């Protein structure tokens, strides 16, 4: 039986929300094996003057638990 664990992470980018998602997943994959899915919970931005300064995303990522690992 496959089991999955979910965690929440926040990604950021000065370019776009898509880049914030991609960058966050790349970083997560460095320390989490078996990434399975991502759910974008929230997209928001910080502004400076009348321009977007940074794009932020709150993500729920899931990964498969390796039950054979000790």
N, C-alpha and C. Protein backbone atom coordinates (compact mmCIF):
# COMPACT_ATOMS: atom_id res chain seq x y z
N UNK A 1 0.85 -1.18 0.00
CA UNK A 1 0.00 0.00 0.00
C UNK A 1 0.89 1.24 0.00
N UNK A 2 0.61 2.14 -0.92
CA UNK A 2 1.39 3.37 -1.01
C UNK A 2 0.82 4.42 -0.06
N UNK A 3 1.72 5.03 0.71
CA UNK A 3 1.31 6.11 1.62
C UNK A 3 2.03 7.38 1.19
N UNK A 4 1.34 8.49 1.37
CA UNK A 4 1.92 9.78 1.03
C UNK A 4 1.90 10.72 2.22
N UNK A 5 2.88 11.58 2.26
CA UNK A 5 2.96 12.63 3.28
C UNK A 5 2.84 13.97 2.57
N UNK A 6 2.20 14.92 3.23
CA UNK A 6 2.03 16.27 2.69
C UNK A 6 2.76 17.27 3.58
N UNK A 7 3.42 18.23 2.95
CA UNK A 7 4.02 19.33 3.69
C UNK A 7 3.73 20.64 2.95
N UNK A 8 3.78 21.73 3.66
CA UNK A 8 3.56 23.05 3.07
C UNK A 8 4.89 23.78 2.96
N UNK A 9 5.11 24.40 1.81
CA UNK A 9 6.30 25.20 1.60
C UNK A 9 5.90 26.52 0.92
N UNK A 10 6.76 27.51 1.02
CA UNK A 10 6.55 28.79 0.34
C UNK A 10 7.72 29.05 -0.58
N UNK A 11 7.41 29.39 -1.83
CA UNK A 11 8.43 29.71 -2.81
C UNK A 11 8.35 31.18 -3.20
N UNK A 12 9.45 31.73 -3.68
CA UNK A 12 9.45 33.13 -4.10
C UNK A 12 10.31 33.30 -5.34
N UNK A 13 10.02 34.36 -6.08
CA UNK A 13 10.76 34.69 -7.30
C UNK A 13 10.59 36.17 -7.59
N UNK A 14 11.58 36.73 -8.22
CA UNK A 14 11.45 38.13 -8.66
C UNK A 14 10.92 38.19 -10.09
N UNK A 15 10.70 37.02 -10.71
CA UNK A 15 10.29 36.95 -12.11
C UNK A 15 8.80 36.68 -12.31
N UNK A 16 8.29 35.57 -11.70
CA UNK A 16 6.90 35.18 -11.93
C UNK A 16 6.45 34.15 -10.90
N UNK A 17 5.12 33.92 -10.86
CA UNK A 17 4.60 32.88 -9.97
C UNK A 17 5.05 31.51 -10.46
N UNK A 18 5.08 31.31 -11.78
CA UNK A 18 5.53 30.04 -12.33
C UNK A 18 6.96 29.75 -11.89
N UNK A 19 7.82 30.75 -11.94
CA UNK A 19 9.21 30.58 -11.52
C UNK A 19 9.29 30.29 -10.02
N UNK A 20 8.42 30.91 -9.23
CA UNK A 20 8.40 30.66 -7.79
C UNK A 20 8.04 29.20 -7.51
N UNK A 21 7.08 28.66 -8.25
CA UNK A 21 6.68 27.26 -8.08
C UNK A 21 7.81 26.34 -8.49
N UNK A 22 8.37 26.58 -9.67
CA UNK A 22 9.45 25.74 -10.18
C UNK A 22 10.67 25.76 -9.26
N UNK A 23 11.05 26.92 -8.80
CA UNK A 23 12.21 27.05 -7.90
C UNK A 23 11.96 26.33 -6.57
N UNK A 24 10.76 26.47 -6.03
CA UNK A 24 10.44 25.80 -4.76
C UNK A 24 10.51 24.29 -4.91
N UNK A 25 9.99 23.76 -6.01
CA UNK A 25 10.03 22.31 -6.23
C UNK A 25 11.45 21.82 -6.46
N UNK A 26 12.26 22.59 -7.16
CA UNK A 26 13.66 22.20 -7.36
C UNK A 26 14.40 22.13 -6.02
N UNK A 27 14.17 23.11 -5.16
CA UNK A 27 14.81 23.10 -3.84
C UNK A 27 14.30 21.94 -2.99
N UNK A 28 13.00 21.71 -3.00
CA UNK A 28 12.43 20.61 -2.21
C UNK A 28 12.98 19.27 -2.66
N UNK A 29 13.17 19.10 -3.96
CA UNK A 29 13.64 17.82 -4.49
C UNK A 29 15.08 17.51 -4.08
N UNK A 30 15.81 18.51 -3.60
CA UNK A 30 17.18 18.27 -3.13
C UNK A 30 17.21 17.50 -1.82
N UNK A 31 16.15 17.60 -1.02
CA UNK A 31 16.14 16.92 0.27
C UNK A 31 14.96 15.99 0.48
N UNK A 32 14.03 15.95 -0.47
CA UNK A 32 12.86 15.08 -0.34
C UNK A 32 12.81 14.17 -1.56
N UNK A 33 12.80 12.86 -1.32
CA UNK A 33 12.70 11.89 -2.40
C UNK A 33 11.24 11.61 -2.73
N UNK A 34 11.01 11.11 -3.93
CA UNK A 34 9.71 10.60 -4.37
C UNK A 34 8.61 11.66 -4.38
N UNK A 35 8.91 12.90 -4.81
CA UNK A 35 7.87 13.92 -4.93
C UNK A 35 6.78 13.39 -5.85
N UNK A 36 5.53 13.62 -5.45
CA UNK A 36 4.40 13.04 -6.17
C UNK A 36 3.49 14.09 -6.79
N UNK A 37 3.15 15.15 -6.03
CA UNK A 37 2.22 16.14 -6.55
C UNK A 37 2.41 17.48 -5.84
N UNK A 38 1.86 18.51 -6.47
CA UNK A 38 1.90 19.85 -5.88
C UNK A 38 0.52 20.48 -6.04
N UNK A 39 0.07 21.17 -5.02
CA UNK A 39 -1.18 21.91 -5.05
C UNK A 39 -0.85 23.36 -4.69
N UNK A 40 -1.18 24.28 -5.59
CA UNK A 40 -0.93 25.69 -5.33
C UNK A 40 -2.07 26.20 -4.44
N UNK A 41 -1.74 26.53 -3.20
CA UNK A 41 -2.73 26.97 -2.23
C UNK A 41 -3.03 28.46 -2.40
N UNK A 42 -1.96 29.25 -2.57
CA UNK A 42 -2.14 30.70 -2.61
C UNK A 42 -1.03 31.33 -3.43
N UNK A 43 -1.37 32.34 -4.22
CA UNK A 43 -0.40 33.15 -4.94
C UNK A 43 -0.56 34.59 -4.46
N UNK A 44 0.55 35.25 -4.18
CA UNK A 44 0.51 36.63 -3.74
C UNK A 44 1.82 37.31 -4.09
N UNK A 45 1.89 38.61 -3.92
CA UNK A 45 3.09 39.35 -4.31
C UNK A 45 3.32 40.50 -3.35
N UNK A 46 4.58 40.91 -3.29
CA UNK A 46 4.91 42.14 -2.58
C UNK A 46 5.16 43.20 -3.64
N UNK A 47 4.82 44.43 -3.30
CA UNK A 47 5.00 45.50 -4.27
C UNK A 47 5.86 46.61 -3.67
N UNK A 48 6.53 47.31 -4.54
CA UNK A 48 7.31 48.48 -4.17
C UNK A 48 6.93 49.58 -5.16
N UNK A 49 6.36 50.64 -4.62
CA UNK A 49 5.84 51.68 -5.51
C UNK A 49 4.65 51.12 -6.26
N UNK A 50 4.74 51.08 -7.58
CA UNK A 50 3.65 50.51 -8.37
C UNK A 50 4.09 49.28 -9.15
N UNK A 51 5.18 48.62 -8.70
CA UNK A 51 5.69 47.43 -9.38
C UNK A 51 5.77 46.25 -8.43
N UNK A 52 5.57 45.07 -8.99
CA UNK A 52 5.73 43.85 -8.19
C UNK A 52 7.20 43.65 -7.88
N UNK A 53 7.49 43.47 -6.61
CA UNK A 53 8.87 43.26 -6.16
C UNK A 53 9.20 41.77 -6.11
N UNK A 54 8.27 40.95 -5.57
CA UNK A 54 8.48 39.51 -5.54
C UNK A 54 7.15 38.77 -5.61
N UNK A 55 7.20 37.65 -6.30
CA UNK A 55 6.06 36.75 -6.45
C UNK A 55 6.22 35.62 -5.44
N UNK A 56 5.15 35.32 -4.70
CA UNK A 56 5.21 34.29 -3.67
C UNK A 56 4.09 33.27 -3.89
N UNK A 57 4.38 32.02 -3.54
CA UNK A 57 3.38 30.95 -3.63
C UNK A 57 3.46 30.08 -2.39
N UNK A 58 2.31 29.73 -1.87
CA UNK A 58 2.21 28.72 -0.81
C UNK A 58 1.80 27.42 -1.49
N UNK A 59 2.59 26.37 -1.26
CA UNK A 59 2.37 25.09 -1.92
C UNK A 59 2.16 23.98 -0.91
N UNK A 60 1.32 23.02 -1.28
CA UNK A 60 1.19 21.76 -0.54
C UNK A 60 1.82 20.72 -1.45
N UNK A 61 2.93 20.14 -1.02
CA UNK A 61 3.56 19.10 -1.84
C UNK A 61 3.39 17.76 -1.14
N UNK A 62 3.26 16.73 -1.95
CA UNK A 62 3.15 15.38 -1.38
C UNK A 62 4.29 14.53 -1.94
N UNK A 63 4.67 13.55 -1.14
CA UNK A 63 5.69 12.61 -1.57
C UNK A 63 5.36 11.24 -1.01
N UNK A 64 5.80 10.24 -1.72
CA UNK A 64 5.54 8.86 -1.33
C UNK A 64 6.49 8.45 -0.21
N UNK A 65 5.95 7.79 0.78
CA UNK A 65 6.77 7.29 1.89
C UNK A 65 7.34 5.94 1.47
N UNK A 66 8.64 5.81 1.57
CA UNK A 66 9.33 4.56 1.23
C UNK A 66 9.30 3.65 2.45
N UNK A 67 8.36 2.71 2.47
CA UNK A 67 8.21 1.85 3.65
C UNK A 67 9.33 0.82 3.77
N UNK A 68 10.12 0.64 2.72
CA UNK A 68 11.23 -0.32 2.79
C UNK A 68 12.49 0.33 3.37
N UNK A 69 12.51 1.67 3.49
CA UNK A 69 13.68 2.37 4.01
C UNK A 69 13.73 2.24 5.53
N UNK A 70 14.88 1.99 6.03
CA UNK A 70 15.06 1.86 7.49
C UNK A 70 15.70 3.08 8.06
